[in-house]
Protein backbone atom coordinates (compact mmCIF):
# COMPACT_ATOMS: atom_id res chain seq x y z
CA UNK A 1 -9.09 -11.88 -1.55
CA UNK A 2 -9.09 -8.14 -2.24
CA UNK A 3 -12.23 -6.06 -1.87
CA UNK A 4 -13.15 -2.38 -2.06
CA UNK A 5 -16.66 -1.47 -0.93
CA UNK A 6 -18.23 1.83 -1.93
CA UNK A 7 -21.28 3.03 0.00
CA UNK A 8 -23.29 5.10 -2.48
CA UNK A 9 -25.90 5.97 0.16
CA UNK A 10 -23.20 7.76 2.12
CA UNK A 11 -22.08 9.70 -0.93
CA UNK A 12 -25.65 10.86 -1.55
CA UNK A 13 -26.01 11.82 2.13
CA UNK A 14 -22.67 13.65 2.07
CA UNK A 15 -23.83 15.62 -0.96
CA UNK A 16 -26.95 16.70 0.91
CA UNK A 17 -24.83 17.77 3.89
CA UNK A 18 -22.65 19.88 1.60
CA UNK A 19 -25.74 21.30 -0.07
CA UNK A 20 -27.04 22.45 3.33
CA UNK A 21 -23.66 23.97 4.18
CA UNK A 22 -23.40 25.83 0.87
CA UNK A 23 -27.02 26.93 0.44
CA UNK A 24 -28.05 29.03 -1.46
CA UNK A 25 -25.01 28.33 -3.63
CA UNK A 26 -25.05 25.37 -6.01
CA UNK A 27 -22.83 22.38 -5.24
CA UNK A 28 -20.65 20.82 -7.92
CA UNK A 29 -19.96 17.14 -7.20
CA UNK A 30 -16.40 16.59 -8.36
CA UNK A 31 -15.93 13.10 -9.83
CA UNK A 32 -12.56 13.52 -11.55
CA UNK A 33 -9.88 10.81 -11.25
CA UNK A 34 -12.55 8.12 -11.36
CA UNK A 35 -14.47 9.74 -8.54
CA UNK A 36 -11.36 10.01 -6.34
CA UNK A 37 -11.01 6.25 -6.73
CA UNK A 38 -14.64 5.58 -5.82
CA UNK A 39 -15.90 5.03 -9.39
CA UNK A 40 -16.98 8.08 -11.38
CA UNK A 41 -19.75 6.38 -13.32
CA UNK A 42 -21.31 4.70 -10.31
CA UNK A 43 -21.12 7.87 -8.21
CA UNK A 44 -22.53 10.03 -11.01
CA UNK A 45 -25.40 7.63 -11.68
CA UNK A 46 -26.31 7.65 -7.99
CA UNK A 47 -26.43 11.47 -7.91
CA UNK A 48 -27.64 12.35 -11.40
CA UNK A 49 -31.33 12.60 -10.50
CA UNK A 50 -30.68 15.42 -7.99
CA UNK A 51 -27.33 17.15 -8.48
CA UNK A 52 -26.51 20.72 -9.45
CA UNK A 53 -23.33 20.01 -11.41
CA UNK A 54 -20.62 17.44 -12.00
CA UNK A 55 -16.98 18.45 -12.26
CA UNK A 56 -14.13 16.56 -13.93
CA UNK A 57 -10.62 17.47 -14.98
CA UNK A 58 -10.44 16.16 -18.56
CA UNK A 59 -12.86 16.29 -21.47
CA UNK A 60 -12.47 12.50 -21.86
CA UNK A 61 -13.77 12.00 -18.32
CA UNK A 62 -16.81 14.12 -19.13
CA UNK A 63 -17.48 12.25 -22.39
CA UNK A 64 -17.52 8.94 -20.53
CA UNK A 65 -20.20 10.32 -18.20
CA UNK A 66 -22.32 11.52 -21.11
CA UNK A 67 -21.94 8.21 -22.95
CA UNK A 68 -23.11 6.45 -19.79
CA UNK A 69 -26.30 8.54 -19.85
CA UNK A 70 -25.49 11.25 -17.30
CA UNK A 71 -27.79 14.24 -17.91
CA UNK A 72 -26.73 16.85 -15.33
CA UNK A 73 -24.47 19.78 -16.28
CA UNK A 74 -20.80 18.77 -16.49
CA UNK A 75 -17.78 21.04 -16.41
CA UNK A 76 -14.22 20.07 -17.41
CA UNK A 77 -11.21 22.34 -16.95
CA UNK A 78 -8.19 20.65 -18.56
CA UNK A 79 -7.90 20.41 -22.35
CA UNK A 80 -5.41 21.33 -25.03
CA UNK A 81 -6.84 20.73 -28.51
CA UNK A 82 -9.57 21.68 -30.93
CA UNK A 83 -10.68 18.04 -30.87
CA UNK A 84 -11.37 18.40 -27.13
CA UNK A 85 -13.56 21.45 -27.76
CA UNK A 86 -15.45 19.73 -30.55
CA UNK A 87 -16.16 16.81 -28.21
CA UNK A 88 -17.28 19.29 -25.56
CA UNK A 89 -19.74 20.86 -27.99
CA UNK A 90 -21.00 17.47 -29.18
CA UNK A 91 -21.62 16.24 -25.64
CA UNK A 92 -22.77 19.54 -24.08
CA UNK A 93 -19.81 19.84 -21.74
CA UNK A 94 -18.93 23.20 -20.20
CA UNK A 95 -15.24 24.08 -20.32
CA UNK A 96 -12.78 26.09 -18.26
CA UNK A 97 -10.79 28.62 -20.26
CA UNK A 98 -7.33 29.14 -18.81
CA UNK A 99 -4.93 30.42 -21.45
CA UNK A 100 -4.54 32.49 -24.58
CA UNK A 101 -4.08 29.22 -26.47
CA UNK A 102 -7.59 28.28 -25.36
CA UNK A 103 -8.92 31.59 -26.67
CA UNK A 104 -7.33 30.91 -30.06
CA UNK A 105 -8.94 27.46 -30.21
CA UNK A 106 -12.34 28.97 -29.40
CA UNK A 107 -12.27 30.83 -32.70
CA UNK A 108 -12.58 27.48 -34.47
CA UNK A 109 -15.71 26.22 -32.73
CA UNK A 110 -18.96 27.84 -31.62
CA UNK A 111 -21.69 27.73 -29.00
CA UNK A 112 -19.82 26.47 -25.97
CA UNK A 113 -20.56 27.36 -22.36
CA UNK A 114 -17.37 28.82 -20.94
CA UNK A 115 -15.93 29.34 -17.46
CA UNK A 116 -13.05 31.82 -17.33
CA UNK A 117 -10.24 30.73 -14.96
CA UNK A 118 -8.43 33.40 -12.97
CA UNK A 119 -5.05 32.60 -11.42
CA UNK A 120 -5.36 34.35 -8.06
CA UNK A 121 -2.11 32.97 -6.66
CA UNK A 122 -1.92 29.18 -7.06
CA UNK A 123 0.20 29.61 -10.22
CA UNK A 124 -1.41 26.77 -12.12
CA UNK A 125 -4.02 27.26 -14.83
CA UNK A 126 -5.68 30.61 -15.33
CA UNK A 127 -5.08 34.21 -16.36
CA UNK A 128 -3.00 36.29 -13.97
CA UNK A 129 -4.07 39.77 -12.91
CA UNK A 130 -1.55 41.24 -15.34
CA UNK A 131 -3.02 39.17 -18.18
CA UNK A 132 -6.63 39.87 -17.27
CA UNK A 133 -7.25 42.97 -19.44
CA UNK A 134 -6.03 41.20 -22.58
CA UNK A 135 -7.80 37.99 -21.56
CA UNK A 136 -11.15 39.73 -21.04
CA UNK A 137 -10.82 41.49 -24.37
CA UNK A 138 -10.07 38.19 -26.12
CA UNK A 139 -12.85 36.45 -24.22
CA UNK A 140 -15.38 39.09 -25.31
CA UNK A 141 -14.28 38.75 -28.92
CA UNK A 142 -14.72 34.96 -29.09
CA UNK A 143 -18.10 35.18 -27.38
CA UNK A 144 -19.35 37.76 -29.85
CA UNK A 145 -17.79 36.14 -32.92
CA UNK A 146 -18.51 32.48 -32.13
CA UNK A 147 -21.67 32.75 -30.06
CA UNK A 148 -20.10 31.25 -26.95
CA UNK A 149 -21.75 31.87 -23.58
CA UNK A 150 -20.02 33.36 -20.53
CA UNK A 151 -21.28 30.80 -18.05
CA UNK A 152 -18.82 31.14 -15.19
CA UNK A 153 -15.70 32.67 -13.69
CA UNK A 154 -13.64 30.65 -11.26
CA UNK A 155 -10.39 30.19 -9.37
CA UNK A 156 -8.74 27.73 -7.00
CA UNK A 157 -7.15 28.42 -3.62
CA UNK A 158 -3.77 27.32 -2.33
CA UNK A 159 -5.25 26.48 1.13
CA UNK A 160 -2.03 27.82 2.66
CA UNK A 161 -3.59 29.81 5.49
CA UNK A 162 -6.50 32.17 6.09
CA UNK A 163 -4.55 35.29 5.13
CA UNK A 164 -3.38 33.80 1.85
CA UNK A 165 -6.86 32.51 1.06
CA UNK A 166 -8.43 35.89 1.77
CA UNK A 167 -5.85 37.57 -0.49
CA UNK A 168 -6.89 35.20 -3.27
CA UNK A 169 -10.58 35.92 -2.68
CA UNK A 170 -9.82 39.64 -2.99
CA UNK A 171 -8.05 39.12 -6.32
CA UNK A 172 -10.96 36.98 -7.54
CA UNK A 173 -13.54 39.60 -6.62
CA UNK A 174 -11.46 42.29 -8.30
CA UNK A 175 -11.41 40.15 -11.47
CA UNK A 176 -15.20 39.77 -11.35
CA UNK A 177 -15.66 43.51 -11.00
CA UNK A 178 -13.18 44.22 -13.79
CA UNK A 179 -15.05 41.87 -16.14
CA UNK A 180 -18.37 43.43 -15.14
CA UNK A 181 -16.96 46.86 -15.85
CA UNK A 182 -16.13 45.68 -19.35
CA UNK A 183 -19.66 44.40 -19.84
CA UNK A 184 -19.05 40.69 -19.14
CA UNK A 185 -21.56 39.21 -16.70
CA UNK A 186 -21.10 35.62 -15.54
CA UNK A 187 -23.96 33.41 -14.37
CA UNK A 188 -21.75 31.54 -11.90
CA UNK A 189 -18.77 32.58 -9.82
CA UNK A 190 -17.02 29.75 -7.98
CA UNK A 191 -13.80 29.61 -5.98
CA UNK A 192 -14.26 27.24 -3.05
CA UNK A 193 -13.38 23.55 -3.12
CA UNK A 194 -14.10 21.28 -0.14
CA UNK A 195 -11.80 22.97 2.37
CA UNK A 196 -12.90 26.51 1.56
CA UNK A 197 -16.56 25.46 1.40
CA UNK A 198 -16.34 24.35 5.02
CA UNK A 199 -14.00 27.14 6.15
CA UNK A 200 -15.42 30.30 4.52
CA UNK A 201 -19.22 30.39 4.50
CA UNK A 202 -19.22 33.96 3.18
CA UNK A 203 -17.21 32.94 0.11
CA UNK A 204 -19.48 30.38 -1.49
CA UNK A 205 -20.42 32.81 -4.29
CA UNK A 206 -22.83 31.11 -6.74
CA UNK A 207 -21.34 27.61 -6.58
CA UNK A 208 -18.84 25.50 -4.64
CA UNK A 209 -16.87 22.53 -5.94
CA UNK A 210 -16.71 19.60 -3.54
CA UNK A 211 -14.55 16.56 -4.16
CA UNK A 212 -12.90 14.90 -1.16
CA UNK A 213 -15.68 15.94 1.25
CA UNK A 214 -18.25 14.34 -1.06
CA UNK A 215 -16.58 11.03 -0.26
CA UNK A 216 -16.71 11.71 3.47
CA UNK A 217 -13.03 12.47 3.93
CA UNK A 218 -11.29 15.41 5.56
CA UNK A 219 -10.09 18.06 3.09
CA UNK A 220 -6.43 18.97 3.63
CA UNK A 221 -6.48 17.63 7.17
CA UNK A 222 -9.35 19.87 8.26
CA UNK A 223 -11.36 18.66 11.26
CA UNK A 224 -14.80 17.66 9.94
CA UNK A 225 -15.95 15.87 13.09
CA UNK A 226 -18.71 18.44 13.59
CA UNK A 227 -20.33 17.52 10.29
CA UNK A 228 -22.19 14.29 9.48
CA UNK A 229 -19.84 13.42 6.61
CA UNK A 230 -19.16 9.70 6.45
CA UNK A 231 -16.40 7.89 4.52
CA UNK A 232 -17.76 5.97 1.58
CA UNK A 233 -14.81 3.63 0.92
CA UNK A 234 -13.90 0.51 2.88
CA UNK A 235 -11.03 -1.80 1.93
CA UNK A 236 -10.67 -5.43 2.95
CA UNK A 237 -8.54 -8.47 2.37
CA UNK A 238 -8.07 -11.79 4.15
CA UNK A 239 -5.45 -13.94 5.83
CA UNK A 240 -3.99 -16.45 3.36
CA UNK A 241 -1.02 -17.83 5.29
CA UNK A 242 -0.03 -18.26 8.93
CA UNK A 243 3.31 -19.29 10.38
CA UNK A 244 4.85 -19.51 13.84
CA UNK A 245 8.41 -18.15 13.85
CA UNK A 246 11.20 -17.80 16.42
CA UNK A 247 12.74 -14.59 17.75
CA UNK A 248 14.96 -12.63 15.37
CA UNK A 249 13.16 -13.85 12.26
CA UNK A 250 13.59 -11.36 9.41
CA UNK A 251 10.43 -10.23 7.62
CA UNK A 252 10.03 -9.08 4.00
CA UNK A 253 12.59 -7.29 1.82
CA UNK A 254 15.71 -5.86 3.51
CA UNK A 255 14.70 -7.42 6.84
CA UNK A 256 13.62 -4.01 8.09
CA UNK A 257 11.70 -5.86 10.79
CA UNK A 258 12.90 -8.75 12.95
CA UNK A 259 10.68 -10.44 15.49
CA UNK A 260 11.53 -9.66 19.11
CA UNK A 261 10.30 -13.04 20.35
CA UNK A 262 8.55 -16.14 19.14
CA UNK A 263 5.41 -14.97 17.40
CA UNK A 264 2.84 -15.60 14.68
CA UNK A 265 3.07 -13.92 11.28
CA UNK A 266 0.12 -13.76 8.90
CA UNK A 267 0.17 -12.92 5.20
CA UNK A 268 -2.34 -10.54 3.63
CA UNK A 269 -2.67 -10.36 -0.20
CA UNK A 270 -2.83 -6.59 -0.66
CA UNK A 271 0.19 -4.60 -1.77
CA UNK A 272 1.34 -1.43 -3.42
CA UNK A 273 -0.07 -2.62 -6.74
CA UNK A 274 -3.46 -2.58 -5.02
CA UNK A 275 -3.17 0.84 -3.44
CA UNK A 276 -1.19 0.56 -0.18
CA UNK A 277 1.94 2.70 -0.60
CA UNK A 278 5.28 1.05 0.05
CA UNK A 279 6.01 4.02 2.31
CA UNK A 280 3.03 3.15 4.55
CA UNK A 281 5.07 0.50 6.35
CA UNK A 282 3.76 0.10 9.91
CA UNK A 283 0.10 0.71 9.06
CA UNK A 284 -2.61 -0.73 11.28
CA UNK A 285 -5.13 -3.39 10.27
CA UNK A 286 -8.01 -4.99 12.13
CA UNK A 287 -8.49 -8.75 12.32
CA UNK A 288 -11.28 -10.23 14.43
CA UNK A 289 -11.82 -6.89 16.14
CA UNK A 290 -8.18 -6.52 17.17
CA UNK A 291 -5.72 -3.96 15.80
CA UNK A 292 -2.37 -5.23 14.62
CA UNK A 293 0.65 -3.63 12.98
CA UNK A 294 1.86 -4.48 9.51
CA UNK A 295 5.59 -5.26 9.63
CA UNK A 296 8.45 -5.14 7.14
CA UNK A 297 8.28 -3.82 3.60
CA UNK A 298 4.91 -3.60 1.88
CA UNK A 299 5.39 -5.69 -1.26
CA UNK A 300 3.70 -5.42 -4.64
CA UNK A 301 1.03 -8.03 -3.88
CA UNK A 302 1.10 -8.63 -0.14
CA UNK A 303 2.15 -7.58 3.33
CA UNK A 304 2.89 -9.32 6.64
CA UNK A 305 1.25 -8.70 10.01
CA UNK A 306 2.70 -9.72 13.38
CA UNK A 307 -0.28 -11.00 15.43
CA UNK A 308 1.70 -12.24 18.43
CA UNK A 309 -0.12 -15.07 20.18
CA UNK A 310 -3.61 -14.15 18.95
CA UNK A 311 -5.82 -16.85 17.49
CA UNK A 312 -6.06 -16.10 13.79
CA UNK A 313 -7.30 -18.47 11.09
CA UNK A 314 -6.87 -18.74 7.32
CA UNK A 315 -9.65 -16.74 5.67
CA UNK A 316 -10.15 -14.28 8.54
CA UNK A 317 -11.17 -10.86 7.22
CA UNK A 318 -8.61 -8.04 7.37
CA UNK A 319 -9.89 -4.46 7.62
CA UNK A 320 -7.43 -2.18 5.88
CA UNK A 321 -9.72 0.85 5.66
CA UNK A 322 -13.01 1.00 7.57
CA UNK A 323 -14.95 3.20 9.96
CA UNK A 324 -12.79 1.86 12.79
CA UNK A 325 -9.57 2.07 10.78
CA UNK A 326 -9.65 5.33 8.77
CA UNK A 327 -7.65 6.00 5.64
CA UNK A 328 -5.84 8.82 7.46
CA UNK A 329 -3.76 6.33 9.44
CA UNK A 330 -2.38 4.99 6.15
CA UNK A 331 -1.76 8.42 4.61
CA UNK A 332 0.01 9.55 7.79
CA UNK A 333 2.29 6.50 7.71
CA UNK A 334 3.06 7.18 4.06
CA UNK A 335 3.68 10.89 4.60
CA UNK A 336 0.96 11.90 2.15
CA UNK A 337 -2.72 12.90 2.11
CA UNK A 338 -5.93 10.89 2.11
CA UNK A 339 -6.69 12.10 -1.45
CA UNK A 340 -3.68 10.19 -2.78
CA UNK A 341 -4.51 6.94 -1.01
CA UNK A 342 -8.10 6.64 -2.26
CA UNK A 343 -7.37 7.82 -5.81
CA UNK A 344 -4.54 5.28 -6.18
CA UNK A 345 -6.55 2.21 -5.23
CA UNK A 346 -5.73 -0.34 -7.92
CA UNK A 347 -7.93 -2.16 -10.42
CA UNK A 348 -7.22 -5.65 -9.07
CA UNK A 349 -9.43 -5.54 -5.94
CA UNK A 350 -13.06 -6.47 -6.50
CA UNK A 351 -15.24 -3.37 -6.22
CA UNK A 352 -18.66 -3.73 -4.66
CA UNK A 353 -21.20 -0.88 -4.78
CA UNK A 354 -24.07 -0.72 -2.34
CA UNK A 355 -25.58 1.23 0.52
CA UNK A 356 -26.31 1.05 4.21
């Protein structure tokens, strides 16, 4: 009744597109949050034979990849305990260092590959410009004392506008030069995620980090129609009930929709527990090649579609997300971004992995 299809061929092809865009920089395939809802293990296994890097948020995500046999370099950038660092060492996971607390923890473990995070303006993780002198001094001390390796220096953009992004790039480059002046040379500098990778070809540095674009989706609403990036996720359900109703029939909770005339309503078993936000009321679906509008509240397990006088049968396939019905129409209805829709797809739908 509920089905999510993931096209791994498209993900591999998207990675090659991003590799061509970023060349000669390396491309980190970001598979955090279960591969943006696409399945981190399946995506990583499909890329592992020919990928520069994998990126995840948490150490636990990286450990799962290693335990599944993933061999490529993996970087994780969110952690908060010595146990996390010990796991990172055990499983050869590179870590992002973002705070003085992290530097203290590094004194209790050795031989880790480290990426220093610089807060260039996003105000999340990372050392600010004011903290940088003390941070570099502490970083040098733990490297020398504990035989850690200065693998990378990185930041993340706000994607506010070109001027703001360029200001952040300037801060980042100043931080690199400051570290170099203190004798710290990094193998990899990386600042650009999907949007910046496509927007600023001169700012790829040594590596870019691509998440949403890897899955064929537009980063932050950017127009990617000029690139052969193809969405990898399709979502389907089926019609399980049909009823003919008179005009002024109320539909779903609160009767936010009433039929204007006699019509046919069909029931689709896919709700907000499965990944369609309640706020996406009015989304479009495709049944038998025709587009229809979902009506009334999206419920936990199901939603209703007004199909008028169209001939629809029990068991007819319903395209919720497909090439002809992109995820953006759902995110727009819900007042959110495509990232949130795909990462929140529930565990109940049957996931099918394949290719073209």
